[in-house]
N, C-alpha and C. Protein backbone atom coordinates (compact mmCIF):
# COMPACT_ATOMS: atom_id res chain seq x y z
N MET A 1 12.94 10.28 -62.51
CA MET A 1 12.53 9.60 -61.58
C MET A 1 12.79 8.46 -60.94
N LEU A 2 12.89 8.36 -59.98
CA LEU A 2 13.34 6.92 -59.25
C LEU A 2 12.45 6.22 -58.44
N LEU A 3 12.82 4.59 -58.54
CA LEU A 3 11.59 3.65 -58.28
C LEU A 3 11.04 4.00 -56.80
N GLY A 4 9.74 3.78 -56.74
CA GLY A 4 8.99 3.98 -55.83
C GLY A 4 9.22 2.50 -54.77
N LEU A 5 9.43 2.94 -53.06
CA LEU A 5 9.22 1.75 -52.16
C LEU A 5 8.61 1.05 -52.53
N THR A 6 7.98 -0.28 -51.98
CA THR A 6 7.06 -0.59 -52.01
C THR A 6 6.61 -1.22 -50.33
N LYS A 7 5.33 -2.13 -50.58
CA LYS A 7 4.73 -1.70 -48.97
C LYS A 7 5.21 -2.85 -47.96
N ALA A 8 5.66 -3.92 -49.03
CA ALA A 8 5.51 -5.18 -48.80
C ALA A 8 7.27 -5.44 -47.80
N LEU A 9 7.26 -6.43 -47.25
CA LEU A 9 8.27 -6.50 -46.38
C LEU A 9 9.37 -7.30 -46.61
N ASP A 10 9.31 -8.34 -47.50
CA ASP A 10 10.51 -8.61 -48.25
C ASP A 10 10.98 -7.50 -48.79
N LYS A 11 12.29 -8.66 -48.76
CA LYS A 11 13.55 -7.68 -49.44
C LYS A 11 13.17 -7.95 -50.97
N GLN A 12 13.97 -6.44 -51.39
CA GLN A 12 13.85 -6.19 -52.72
C GLN A 12 15.50 -5.79 -53.25
N VAL A 13 15.58 -6.07 -55.01
CA VAL A 13 17.09 -5.35 -54.82
C VAL A 13 16.20 -4.53 -56.63
N LEU A 14 16.96 -3.62 -56.45
CA LEU A 14 16.85 -2.01 -57.63
C LEU A 14 18.00 -2.07 -58.01
N PHE A 15 17.86 -2.86 -59.24
CA PHE A 15 19.28 -2.39 -59.96
C PHE A 15 18.45 -0.71 -61.06
N TYR A 16 19.79 0.06 -61.03
CA TYR A 16 19.41 1.60 -61.42
C TYR A 16 20.31 1.04 -62.75
N ASN A 17 20.35 1.30 -64.06
CA ASN A 17 20.90 1.28 -65.12
C ASN A 17 21.62 3.02 -65.52
N LEU A 18 22.42 3.15 -64.81
CA LEU A 18 22.80 4.88 -65.73
C LEU A 18 23.32 4.88 -66.94
N GLN A 19 22.39 5.73 -67.39
CA GLN A 19 22.58 5.83 -68.69
C GLN A 19 23.92 6.71 -69.21
N ASP A 20 24.13 7.70 -68.33
CA ASP A 20 25.22 8.48 -68.75
C ASP A 20 26.46 8.21 -67.92
N ASP A 21 27.42 7.56 -68.60
CA ASP A 21 28.56 7.01 -68.05
C ASP A 21 29.62 8.49 -67.45
N ASN A 22 29.25 9.22 -68.01
CA ASN A 22 29.94 10.66 -67.35
C ASN A 22 29.32 11.25 -66.26
N GLN A 23 28.26 10.62 -65.59
CA GLN A 23 27.28 11.15 -64.53
C GLN A 23 27.24 10.11 -63.61
N VAL A 24 27.86 9.07 -63.56
CA VAL A 24 27.93 8.21 -62.72
C VAL A 24 27.56 8.60 -61.30
N ASP A 25 28.55 9.18 -60.91
CA ASP A 25 28.69 9.53 -59.21
C ASP A 25 27.66 10.62 -58.85
N LYS A 26 27.13 11.64 -59.71
CA LYS A 26 26.08 12.45 -59.70
C LYS A 26 24.85 11.58 -59.69
N SER A 27 24.64 10.63 -60.49
CA SER A 27 23.51 9.67 -60.62
C SER A 27 23.52 8.87 -58.74
N ILE A 28 24.75 8.52 -58.77
CA ILE A 28 24.98 7.70 -57.03
C ILE A 28 24.19 8.73 -56.02
N CYS A 29 24.63 9.65 -56.04
CA CYS A 29 24.36 11.09 -55.14
C CYS A 29 22.45 11.22 -55.19
N ARG A 30 22.18 10.79 -56.52
CA ARG A 30 20.91 10.89 -56.53
C ARG A 30 19.88 9.61 -56.00
N ILE A 31 20.26 9.16 -56.29
CA ILE A 31 19.63 7.92 -55.88
C ILE A 31 20.16 7.94 -54.35
N THR A 32 21.00 8.24 -53.97
CA THR A 32 20.94 8.44 -52.05
C THR A 32 20.62 9.25 -51.80
N ASN A 33 20.13 10.72 -52.48
CA ASN A 33 19.36 11.32 -51.97
C ASN A 33 17.85 10.93 -51.47
N PHE A 34 17.34 9.94 -52.89
CA PHE A 34 16.04 9.54 -52.88
C PHE A 34 15.55 9.00 -51.47
N TYR A 35 16.75 7.72 -50.97
CA TYR A 35 16.26 7.31 -49.98
C TYR A 35 16.23 7.64 -48.45
N TYR A 36 17.28 8.72 -48.88
CA TYR A 36 17.48 9.57 -47.73
C TYR A 36 16.23 10.41 -47.20
N LYS A 37 16.05 10.83 -48.15
CA LYS A 37 14.56 11.74 -47.86
C LYS A 37 13.42 10.54 -47.20
N LYS A 38 13.69 9.34 -47.40
CA LYS A 38 12.53 8.71 -47.47
C LYS A 38 12.48 8.06 -45.56
N LYS A 39 13.88 8.88 -45.02
CA LYS A 39 14.27 8.57 -43.64
C LYS A 39 14.50 7.21 -43.48
N LEU A 40 15.28 6.39 -44.16
CA LEU A 40 15.95 5.40 -44.27
C LEU A 40 17.66 5.15 -43.95
N LYS A 41 18.04 4.66 -43.29
CA LYS A 41 19.14 4.16 -42.95
C LYS A 41 19.92 3.31 -43.81
N ILE A 42 21.03 3.87 -44.54
CA ILE A 42 21.75 3.76 -45.56
C ILE A 42 23.35 3.23 -45.65
N LEU A 43 23.89 2.29 -46.10
CA LEU A 43 24.98 2.06 -45.88
C LEU A 43 25.18 1.63 -46.99
N ILE A 44 26.53 2.60 -47.59
CA ILE A 44 26.94 2.61 -49.29
C ILE A 44 28.38 2.00 -48.91
N ILE A 45 28.52 1.11 -49.61
CA ILE A 45 29.38 0.01 -49.84
C ILE A 45 30.65 0.06 -50.91
N GLY A 46 31.75 0.66 -50.95
CA GLY A 46 32.35 1.03 -52.21
C GLY A 46 33.60 -0.57 -51.67
N GLU A 47 34.15 -0.43 -53.31
CA GLU A 47 35.10 -1.60 -53.50
C GLU A 47 36.27 -1.21 -52.86
N ASP A 48 36.59 0.12 -52.57
CA ASP A 48 38.01 0.31 -51.89
C ASP A 48 38.39 1.52 -50.98
N LYS A 49 39.49 2.37 -51.26
CA LYS A 49 39.42 3.39 -50.74
C LYS A 49 39.13 4.92 -51.02
N SER A 50 39.89 4.54 -52.40
CA SER A 50 39.63 5.25 -53.46
C SER A 50 38.18 6.08 -54.00
N GLN A 51 37.66 4.82 -53.96
CA GLN A 51 35.86 5.25 -54.49
C GLN A 51 35.37 5.57 -53.08
N ILE A 52 35.64 5.33 -51.56
CA ILE A 52 34.82 5.82 -50.99
C ILE A 52 35.35 7.48 -50.45
N ASP A 53 36.92 7.90 -50.81
CA ASP A 53 36.69 9.29 -51.19
C ASP A 53 36.28 9.86 -51.55
N THR A 54 36.30 9.27 -53.07
CA THR A 54 35.09 9.82 -53.94
C THR A 54 33.71 10.06 -53.54
N LEU A 55 33.50 9.17 -53.44
CA LEU A 55 31.91 9.67 -52.67
C LEU A 55 31.89 10.30 -51.93
N ASN A 56 32.56 10.08 -50.56
CA ASN A 56 32.47 11.15 -49.71
C ASN A 56 32.69 12.75 -50.13
N ASP A 57 33.31 13.04 -50.55
CA ASP A 57 33.63 14.20 -51.54
C ASP A 57 32.46 14.81 -52.66
N LEU A 58 31.94 13.74 -52.69
CA LEU A 58 30.66 14.02 -54.10
C LEU A 58 29.16 14.48 -52.72
N LEU A 59 29.57 13.50 -51.88
CA LEU A 59 28.35 13.79 -50.88
C LEU A 59 28.08 15.09 -50.14
N TRP A 60 29.36 15.91 -49.58
CA TRP A 60 29.61 16.74 -49.09
C TRP A 60 28.81 18.17 -50.48
N THR A 61 29.03 18.05 -51.43
CA THR A 61 29.11 19.21 -52.38
C THR A 61 28.20 18.51 -53.70
N PHE A 62 27.25 17.33 -53.38
CA PHE A 62 26.43 17.00 -54.22
C PHE A 62 25.42 18.45 -54.81
N GLU A 63 24.83 19.39 -53.92
CA GLU A 63 24.19 19.67 -54.13
C GLU A 63 24.37 21.38 -53.91
N GLN A 64 24.21 22.51 -54.63
CA GLN A 64 24.84 23.77 -54.66
C GLN A 64 24.20 24.32 -53.21
N ILE A 65 23.22 24.07 -52.32
CA ILE A 65 22.84 24.69 -51.17
C ILE A 65 22.45 23.65 -49.83
N SER A 66 22.82 22.65 -50.30
CA SER A 66 22.42 21.46 -49.49
C SER A 66 23.93 20.07 -49.53
N PHE A 67 23.77 19.18 -48.84
CA PHE A 67 24.70 18.28 -48.90
C PHE A 67 24.08 16.60 -48.06
N LEU A 68 24.14 15.80 -48.28
CA LEU A 68 23.73 14.73 -47.94
C LEU A 68 25.08 14.18 -46.79
N PRO A 69 24.02 13.96 -45.23
CA PRO A 69 24.95 13.97 -44.11
C PRO A 69 25.56 12.62 -44.30
N HIS A 70 26.55 12.21 -44.24
CA HIS A 70 27.36 10.70 -43.95
C HIS A 70 28.72 11.10 -43.13
N SER A 71 28.89 9.76 -42.84
CA SER A 71 29.83 9.67 -42.24
C SER A 71 30.66 8.46 -42.56
N PHE A 72 31.79 7.73 -42.02
CA PHE A 72 32.44 6.81 -42.31
C PHE A 72 32.16 5.50 -41.33
N GLU A 73 32.63 4.34 -41.53
CA GLU A 73 31.77 3.44 -40.74
C GLU A 73 32.36 3.74 -39.19
N SER A 74 33.17 4.27 -38.97
CA SER A 74 33.85 4.21 -37.45
C SER A 74 32.50 5.32 -36.92
N GLU A 75 31.67 5.93 -37.63
CA GLU A 75 31.31 7.22 -36.87
C GLU A 75 29.27 7.01 -37.34
N TYR A 76 29.38 5.66 -37.43
CA TYR A 76 28.07 5.02 -37.38
C TYR A 76 27.04 6.05 -36.81
N GLU A 77 26.81 6.42 -35.89
CA GLU A 77 25.78 6.52 -35.19
C GLU A 77 25.25 7.83 -35.56
N SER A 78 26.32 8.85 -36.24
CA SER A 78 26.14 10.24 -36.02
C SER A 78 25.10 10.46 -37.43
N THR A 79 24.92 10.07 -38.30
CA THR A 79 24.49 10.00 -39.32
C THR A 79 23.75 8.86 -40.16
N PRO A 80 22.51 9.23 -40.66
CA PRO A 80 21.76 8.10 -41.66
C PRO A 80 22.34 7.61 -43.01
N ILE A 81 23.53 8.15 -43.70
CA ILE A 81 24.28 7.89 -44.25
C ILE A 81 25.56 7.27 -44.48
N VAL A 82 26.18 5.84 -44.39
CA VAL A 82 27.06 5.46 -43.61
C VAL A 82 27.96 5.34 -45.21
N LEU A 83 29.22 5.20 -45.19
CA LEU A 83 30.14 4.90 -46.23
C LEU A 83 31.32 3.51 -45.49
N CYS A 84 31.41 2.15 -46.43
CA CYS A 84 31.99 1.52 -45.95
C CYS A 84 32.80 0.49 -47.09
N MET A 85 33.80 0.20 -46.89
CA MET A 85 34.20 -0.45 -47.90
C MET A 85 34.08 -2.03 -47.86
N ILE A 86 34.14 -2.31 -49.07
CA ILE A 86 33.71 -4.12 -48.81
C ILE A 86 34.58 -4.84 -47.71
N ASP A 87 36.06 -4.38 -47.74
CA ASP A 87 36.30 -5.64 -46.49
C ASP A 87 35.82 -5.54 -45.57
N ASN A 88 35.40 -3.95 -44.86
CA ASN A 88 35.04 -4.02 -43.75
C ASN A 88 33.49 -4.40 -43.50
N LEU A 89 32.65 -4.90 -44.51
CA LEU A 89 31.39 -5.03 -44.39
C LEU A 89 31.04 -5.72 -43.44
N GLN A 90 31.27 -7.01 -43.23
CA GLN A 90 30.76 -7.93 -42.32
C GLN A 90 31.09 -7.02 -40.91
N SER A 91 31.80 -6.63 -40.44
CA SER A 91 32.02 -6.41 -39.09
C SER A 91 30.97 -5.21 -38.90
N ILE A 92 30.68 -4.56 -39.50
CA ILE A 92 29.74 -2.97 -39.59
C ILE A 92 28.25 -3.81 -39.72
N LEU A 93 28.06 -5.22 -40.31
CA LEU A 93 26.73 -5.14 -40.56
C LEU A 93 26.63 -6.04 -39.26
N ASN A 94 27.85 -6.74 -38.93
CA ASN A 94 27.37 -7.19 -36.83
C ASN A 94 27.11 -6.36 -35.74
N LYS A 95 27.65 -5.07 -36.30
CA LYS A 95 26.84 -4.05 -35.16
C LYS A 95 26.23 -3.27 -35.56
N TYR A 96 25.56 -2.82 -36.65
CA TYR A 96 24.13 -2.13 -36.59
C TYR A 96 23.26 -2.54 -37.90
N LYS A 97 22.12 -1.98 -38.03
CA LYS A 97 21.12 -2.68 -39.02
C LYS A 97 21.13 -1.50 -39.91
N PHE A 98 20.55 -1.71 -40.95
CA PHE A 98 20.32 -0.61 -42.07
C PHE A 98 19.06 -0.77 -43.01
N ASP A 99 18.47 -0.20 -43.66
CA ASP A 99 17.40 -0.15 -44.28
C ASP A 99 17.86 -0.39 -45.93
N VAL A 100 18.85 0.17 -46.12
CA VAL A 100 19.06 0.14 -47.54
C VAL A 100 20.87 -0.43 -47.88
N LEU A 101 21.03 -1.27 -48.71
CA LEU A 101 22.34 -1.42 -48.65
C LEU A 101 23.21 -1.00 -50.49
N PHE A 102 23.69 0.07 -50.59
CA PHE A 102 23.88 0.53 -51.78
C PHE A 102 24.84 -0.11 -51.59
N ASN A 103 24.88 -1.07 -52.99
CA ASN A 103 26.27 -2.17 -53.13
C ASN A 103 27.28 -1.49 -54.59
N LEU A 104 28.50 -0.71 -54.39
CA LEU A 104 28.84 -0.41 -55.48
C LEU A 104 30.66 -0.94 -55.80
N SER A 105 30.54 -1.96 -54.96
CA SER A 105 31.42 -3.39 -54.92
C SER A 105 31.55 -4.26 -55.91
N ARG A 106 32.14 -5.17 -56.12
CA ARG A 106 32.09 -5.96 -57.69
C ARG A 106 31.12 -7.71 -56.97
N ASN A 107 31.37 -7.19 -55.44
CA ASN A 107 31.05 -8.04 -54.57
C ASN A 107 29.43 -9.05 -54.56
N LYS A 108 28.72 -10.04 -54.63
CA LYS A 108 27.80 -10.37 -54.06
C LYS A 108 27.58 -9.96 -52.47
N ILE A 109 26.54 -9.57 -52.22
CA ILE A 109 26.13 -9.30 -50.90
C ILE A 109 25.60 -10.78 -50.30
N ASN A 110 25.94 -11.02 -49.00
CA ASN A 110 24.93 -11.91 -48.09
C ASN A 110 23.35 -11.76 -47.72
N LEU A 111 22.61 -12.34 -48.43
CA LEU A 111 21.34 -12.22 -48.43
C LEU A 111 20.62 -12.23 -47.27
N ASP A 112 21.35 -12.50 -46.21
CA ASP A 112 21.16 -13.45 -44.58
C ASP A 112 20.85 -11.62 -44.07
N THR A 113 21.89 -10.74 -44.66
CA THR A 113 21.70 -9.20 -44.16
C THR A 113 20.77 -9.03 -44.04
N VAL A 114 20.20 -8.01 -42.48
CA VAL A 114 19.18 -7.31 -42.46
C VAL A 114 18.46 -6.13 -43.10
N ALA A 115 19.21 -5.80 -44.07
CA ALA A 115 18.33 -4.59 -44.99
C ALA A 115 17.30 -5.19 -45.83
N ARG A 116 16.32 -4.23 -46.44
CA ARG A 116 15.65 -4.87 -46.95
C ARG A 116 15.80 -4.33 -48.33
N TYR A 117 16.46 -3.43 -48.37
CA TYR A 117 16.78 -3.27 -50.09
C TYR A 117 17.89 -3.37 -50.33
N PHE A 118 18.27 -3.84 -51.52
CA PHE A 118 19.93 -3.56 -52.11
C PHE A 118 19.71 -2.69 -53.50
N ILE A 119 20.76 -1.99 -53.25
CA ILE A 119 20.54 -1.36 -54.54
C ILE A 119 22.14 -1.58 -54.97
N GLU A 120 21.94 -2.13 -56.49
CA GLU A 120 22.89 -2.47 -57.65
C GLU A 120 22.91 -1.23 -58.91
N ILE A 121 24.40 -0.82 -59.05
CA ILE A 121 24.20 0.14 -60.56
C ILE A 121 24.92 -0.77 -61.50
N VAL A 122 24.42 -0.69 -62.56
CA VAL A 122 24.85 -1.31 -64.04
C VAL A 122 25.00 0.41 -64.75
N THR A 123 26.13 0.28 -65.63
CA THR A 123 26.45 1.23 -66.64
C THR A 123 26.96 0.25 -67.54
N SER A 124 27.22 1.23 -68.95
CA SER A 124 27.16 0.24 -70.28
C SER A 124 29.13 0.05 -70.25
N VAL A 125 29.61 0.29 -69.07
CA VAL A 125 31.58 -0.34 -69.16
C VAL A 125 31.05 -2.09 -68.96
N GLU A 126 31.34 -2.66 -70.04
CA GLU A 126 31.13 -4.11 -70.36
C GLU A 126 31.52 -4.77 -69.10
N LYS A 127 32.91 -4.77 -68.71
CA LYS A 127 32.86 -5.36 -67.60
C LYS A 127 31.95 -5.32 -66.32
N GLN A 128 31.46 -4.21 -66.17
CA GLN A 128 30.86 -3.90 -64.99
C GLN A 128 29.09 -4.35 -65.36
N LYS A 129 29.01 -4.47 -66.60
CA LYS A 129 27.44 -5.12 -67.22
C LYS A 129 27.29 -6.46 -66.82
N LEU A 130 28.62 -6.87 -66.94
CA LEU A 130 28.28 -8.78 -66.75
C LEU A 130 28.34 -8.90 -65.47
N ASN A 131 29.63 -8.24 -64.82
CA ASN A 131 29.17 -7.97 -63.21
C ASN A 131 27.64 -8.15 -62.61
N ALA A 132 27.14 -7.29 -63.03
CA ALA A 132 25.70 -7.07 -62.81
C ALA A 132 24.93 -8.08 -63.03
N ARG A 133 24.43 -8.24 -64.05
CA ARG A 133 24.26 -9.49 -64.71
C ARG A 133 24.35 -10.75 -63.96
N ASP A 134 25.79 -10.98 -63.37
CA ASP A 134 25.93 -12.02 -62.43
C ASP A 134 25.13 -11.57 -61.18
N LYS A 135 25.08 -10.74 -61.02
CA LYS A 135 24.13 -10.00 -59.54
C LYS A 135 22.67 -10.10 -59.22
N TYR A 136 21.67 -10.15 -60.77
CA TYR A 136 21.05 -10.34 -61.12
C TYR A 136 20.22 -11.98 -61.27
N ALA A 137 21.56 -12.94 -61.72
CA ALA A 137 21.27 -13.96 -61.78
C ALA A 137 21.19 -14.21 -60.22
N TYR A 138 22.25 -13.65 -59.66
CA TYR A 138 22.13 -14.56 -57.60
C TYR A 138 21.00 -14.39 -57.24
N TYR A 139 20.43 -12.88 -57.35
CA TYR A 139 19.12 -12.18 -56.58
C TYR A 139 18.29 -13.02 -57.49
N LYS A 140 17.75 -13.44 -58.58
CA LYS A 140 17.03 -14.65 -59.14
C LYS A 140 16.75 -15.73 -58.57
N GLU A 141 17.90 -16.22 -58.34
CA GLU A 141 18.21 -17.75 -57.84
C GLU A 141 17.67 -17.83 -56.50
N ASN A 142 18.18 -16.96 -56.03
CA ASN A 142 17.59 -16.80 -54.65
C ASN A 142 15.76 -16.09 -53.94
N LYS A 143 15.14 -16.10 -55.07
CA LYS A 143 14.24 -15.65 -54.87
C LYS A 143 13.76 -14.41 -54.52
N ILE A 144 14.53 -13.34 -54.59
CA ILE A 144 14.57 -11.64 -54.41
C ILE A 144 14.04 -11.53 -55.28
N LYS A 145 12.84 -10.51 -54.74
CA LYS A 145 12.47 -9.61 -55.87
C LYS A 145 13.20 -8.76 -56.58
N VAL A 146 13.18 -8.82 -57.86
CA VAL A 146 14.29 -7.16 -58.63
C VAL A 146 13.63 -6.70 -59.79
N THR A 147 13.79 -5.15 -59.58
CA THR A 147 12.90 -4.58 -60.43
C THR A 147 14.67 -3.44 -60.62
N TYR A 148 14.42 -3.02 -62.40
CA TYR A 148 14.90 -2.77 -63.00
C TYR A 148 14.47 -1.32 -63.70
N GLU A 149 15.17 -0.03 -63.65
CA GLU A 149 15.02 1.37 -63.90
C GLU A 149 16.23 1.90 -65.11
N LYS A 150 16.17 2.33 -65.76
CA LYS A 150 16.94 3.21 -66.25
C LYS A 150 16.84 4.60 -65.78
N VAL A 151 18.56 5.34 -65.48
CA VAL A 151 17.85 6.39 -64.92
C VAL A 151 19.03 7.26 -65.64
């Protein structure tokens, strides 16, 4: 079960704690699919090209009978899901609006960004867990509603 979306217009952060480290990529696809089915425009922010390429492959093959339509930042207008490396984030946000920012990078995202939902992932990897705690504190300090769910 994935968290429902609130009807409030305030920004909110959704932390998904992934229980199975062997299924992180598939869990990311499932979470993306949840928001895609809500007809929301999604920007997935990766740390580097390797992570984006892996996610690109998975989104095409996520389910046996379907795929999640997506593109890279240069092809933004053709799909509801866009993949972007953190280094290119500001340029795409200057041009386009998204409902959901799915942050797979280690960086904190500027809260002035127009998006309504910020998604963060938590795994059992200690370094990543510490980074997620830091992000959690950042959002709380900025008075952003934070929700947390185990997946």
